C-alpha atoms as a PDB file:
ATOM      1  CA  MET A   1      79.148  31.027  17.827  1.00  0.00           C
ATOM      2  CA  SER A   2      77.744  29.246  14.810  1.00  0.00           C
ATOM      3  CA  ILE A   3      78.437  30.364  11.291  1.00  0.00           C
ATOM      4  CA  SER A   4      75.857  31.456   8.746  1.00  0.00           C
ATOM      5  CA  PHE A   5      74.860  29.331   5.792  1.00  0.00           C
ATOM      6  CA  ALA A   6      76.636  31.866   3.555  1.00  0.00           C
ATOM      7  CA  GLU A   7      79.893  31.427   5.473  1.00  0.00           C
ATOM      8  CA  ARG A   8      79.626  27.628   5.371  1.00  0.00           C
ATOM      9  CA  SER A   9      78.871  27.738   1.669  1.00  0.00           C
ATOM     10  CA  ASP A  10      81.959  29.909   1.147  1.00  0.00           C
ATOM     11  CA  GLN A  11      84.112  27.418   3.072  1.00  0.00           C
ATOM     12  CA  LEU A  12      82.982  24.531   0.885  1.00  0.00           C
ATOM     13  CA  CYS A  13      83.335  26.599  -2.298  1.00  0.00           C
ATOM     14  CA  ASP A  14      86.919  27.454  -1.366  1.00  0.00           C
ATOM     15  CA  GLN A  15      87.702  23.765  -0.886  1.00  0.00           C
ATOM     16  CA  LEU A  16      86.118  22.892  -4.233  1.00  0.00           C
ATOM     17  CA  ARG A  17      88.022  25.625  -6.056  1.00  0.00           C
ATOM     18  CA  THR A  18      91.254  24.271  -4.589  1.00  0.00           C
ATOM     19  CA  LEU A  19      90.359  20.803  -5.874  1.00  0.00           C
ATOM     20  CA  GLU A  20      89.526  22.251  -9.304  1.00  0.00           C
ATOM     21  CA  HIS A  21      92.967  23.821  -9.569  1.00  0.00           C
ATOM     22  CA  GLN A  22      94.701  20.599  -8.533  1.00  0.00           C
ATOM     23  CA  THR A  23      93.080  18.190 -10.981  1.00  0.00           C
ATOM     24  CA  ASP A  24      93.091  17.530 -14.701  1.00  0.00           C
ATOM     25  CA  ASP A  25      90.381  14.860 -14.350  1.00  0.00           C
ATOM     26  CA  GLN A  26      87.384  16.035 -16.398  1.00  0.00           C
ATOM     27  CA  ASP A  27      84.922  14.067 -14.271  1.00  0.00           C
ATOM     28  CA  GLN A  28      86.303  15.617 -11.079  1.00  0.00           C
ATOM     29  CA  LEU A  29      86.001  19.052 -12.667  1.00  0.00           C
ATOM     30  CA  PHE A  30      82.362  18.339 -13.520  1.00  0.00           C
ATOM     31  CA  TYR A  31      81.593  17.202  -9.960  1.00  0.00           C
ATOM     32  CA  CYS A  32      83.229  20.308  -8.512  1.00  0.00           C
ATOM     33  CA  ALA A  33      81.356  22.597 -10.901  1.00  0.00           C
ATOM     34  CA  TYR A  34      78.054  20.877 -10.151  1.00  0.00           C
ATOM     35  CA  LEU A  35      78.487  21.355  -6.410  1.00  0.00           C
ATOM     36  CA  LEU A  36      79.718  24.937  -6.793  1.00  0.00           C
ATOM     37  CA  GLY A  37      76.578  25.871  -8.708  1.00  0.00           C
ATOM     38  CA  LEU A  38      74.270  24.517  -6.037  1.00  0.00           C
ATOM     39  CA  LEU A  39      76.307  25.875  -3.148  1.00  0.00           C
ATOM     40  CA  GLY A  40      75.916  29.399  -4.453  1.00  0.00           C
ATOM     41  CA  VAL A  41      72.141  29.085  -4.352  1.00  0.00           C
ATOM     42  CA  HIS A  42      71.948  27.248  -1.027  1.00  0.00           C
ATOM     43  CA  GLY A  43      74.305  29.656   0.712  1.00  0.00           C
ATOM     44  CA  GLY A  44      71.700  32.382   0.273  1.00  0.00           C
ATOM     45  CA  LEU A  45      69.369  30.823   2.828  1.00  0.00           C
ATOM     46  CA  ASP A  46      69.071  32.799   6.043  1.00  0.00           C
ATOM     47  CA  SER A  47      70.066  30.256   8.681  1.00  0.00           C
ATOM     48  CA  GLN A  48      72.922  29.316  10.996  1.00  0.00           C
ATOM     49  CA  GLY A  49      75.182  26.353  11.714  1.00  0.00           C
ATOM     50  CA  SER A  50      77.584  24.265   9.685  1.00  0.00           C
ATOM     51  CA  ASP A  51      75.927  20.961  10.630  1.00  0.00           C
ATOM     52  CA  ALA A  52      72.496  22.351   9.740  1.00  0.00           C
ATOM     53  CA  PHE A  53      73.876  23.623   6.430  1.00  0.00           C
ATOM     54  CA  ASP A  54      75.531  20.302   5.600  1.00  0.00           C
ATOM     55  CA  GLN A  55      72.357  18.314   6.292  1.00  0.00           C
ATOM     56  CA  SER A  56      70.110  20.745   4.447  1.00  0.00           C
ATOM     57  CA  PHE A  57      72.472  20.930   1.474  1.00  0.00           C
ATOM     58  CA  LYS A  58      72.754  17.128   1.234  1.00  0.00           C
ATOM     59  CA  GLU A  59      68.972  16.827   1.126  1.00  0.00           C
ATOM     60  CA  GLU A  60      68.651  19.531  -1.534  1.00  0.00           C
ATOM     61  CA  LEU A  61      71.498  18.002  -3.543  1.00  0.00           C
ATOM     62  CA  GLN A  62      69.872  14.566  -3.531  1.00  0.00           C
ATOM     63  CA  THR A  63      66.562  16.043  -4.687  1.00  0.00           C
ATOM     64  CA  THR A  64      68.275  18.024  -7.438  1.00  0.00           C
ATOM     65  CA  LEU A  65      70.305  15.054  -8.661  1.00  0.00           C
ATOM     66  CA  GLU A  66      67.156  12.970  -8.983  1.00  0.00           C
ATOM     67  CA  ARG A  67      65.115  15.776 -10.570  1.00  0.00           C
ATOM     68  CA  GLU A  68      67.843  16.404 -13.165  1.00  0.00           C
ATOM     69  CA  ALA A  69      68.163  12.667 -13.862  1.00  0.00           C
ATOM     70  CA  VAL A  70      71.907  12.642 -13.213  1.00  0.00           C
ATOM     71  CA  SER A  71      73.319   9.167 -13.824  1.00  0.00           C
ATOM     72  CA  GLU A  72      73.694   6.898 -10.808  1.00  0.00           C
ATOM     73  CA  THR A  73      77.469   6.869 -11.225  1.00  0.00           C
ATOM     74  CA  ASP A  74      77.672  10.658 -11.298  1.00  0.00           C
ATOM     75  CA  GLN A  75      75.273  10.906  -8.347  1.00  0.00           C
ATOM     76  CA  LYS A  76      77.450   8.542  -6.332  1.00  0.00           C
ATOM     77  CA  ASN A  77      80.624  10.454  -7.217  1.00  0.00           C
ATOM     78  CA  ILE A  78      79.135  13.888  -6.518  1.00  0.00           C
ATOM     79  CA  LEU A  79      77.829  12.730  -3.127  1.00  0.00           C
ATOM     80  CA  SER A  80      81.157  11.094  -2.375  1.00  0.00           C
ATOM     81  CA  LEU A  81      82.988  14.328  -3.141  1.00  0.00           C
ATOM     82  CA  LEU A  82      80.633  16.277  -0.878  1.00  0.00           C
ATOM     83  CA  ASN A  83      81.100  13.745   1.918  1.00  0.00           C
ATOM     84  CA  THR A  84      84.858  14.095   1.587  1.00  0.00           C
ATOM     85  CA  LEU A  85      84.552  17.867   2.005  1.00  0.00           C
ATOM     86  CA  ILE A  86      82.313  17.778   5.030  1.00  0.00           C
END
């Protein structure tokens, strides 16, 4: 049985919160916080499947990073963190 987007979002949020508690690196904290904010919104979509969630979230994240003019370095690091989680 596949999981809902809300459940997948919760899984990733739990992993990010664990990382937040384990680091003193301010950049890492920023990347975690950035992803946590978007995950909360994306998890509200009514759909199923962890792979579908991951793909959909990556696309939305990329669009948001570009729209908010996040620096290329931060974009790379945020995407890298997400890829590590999934």
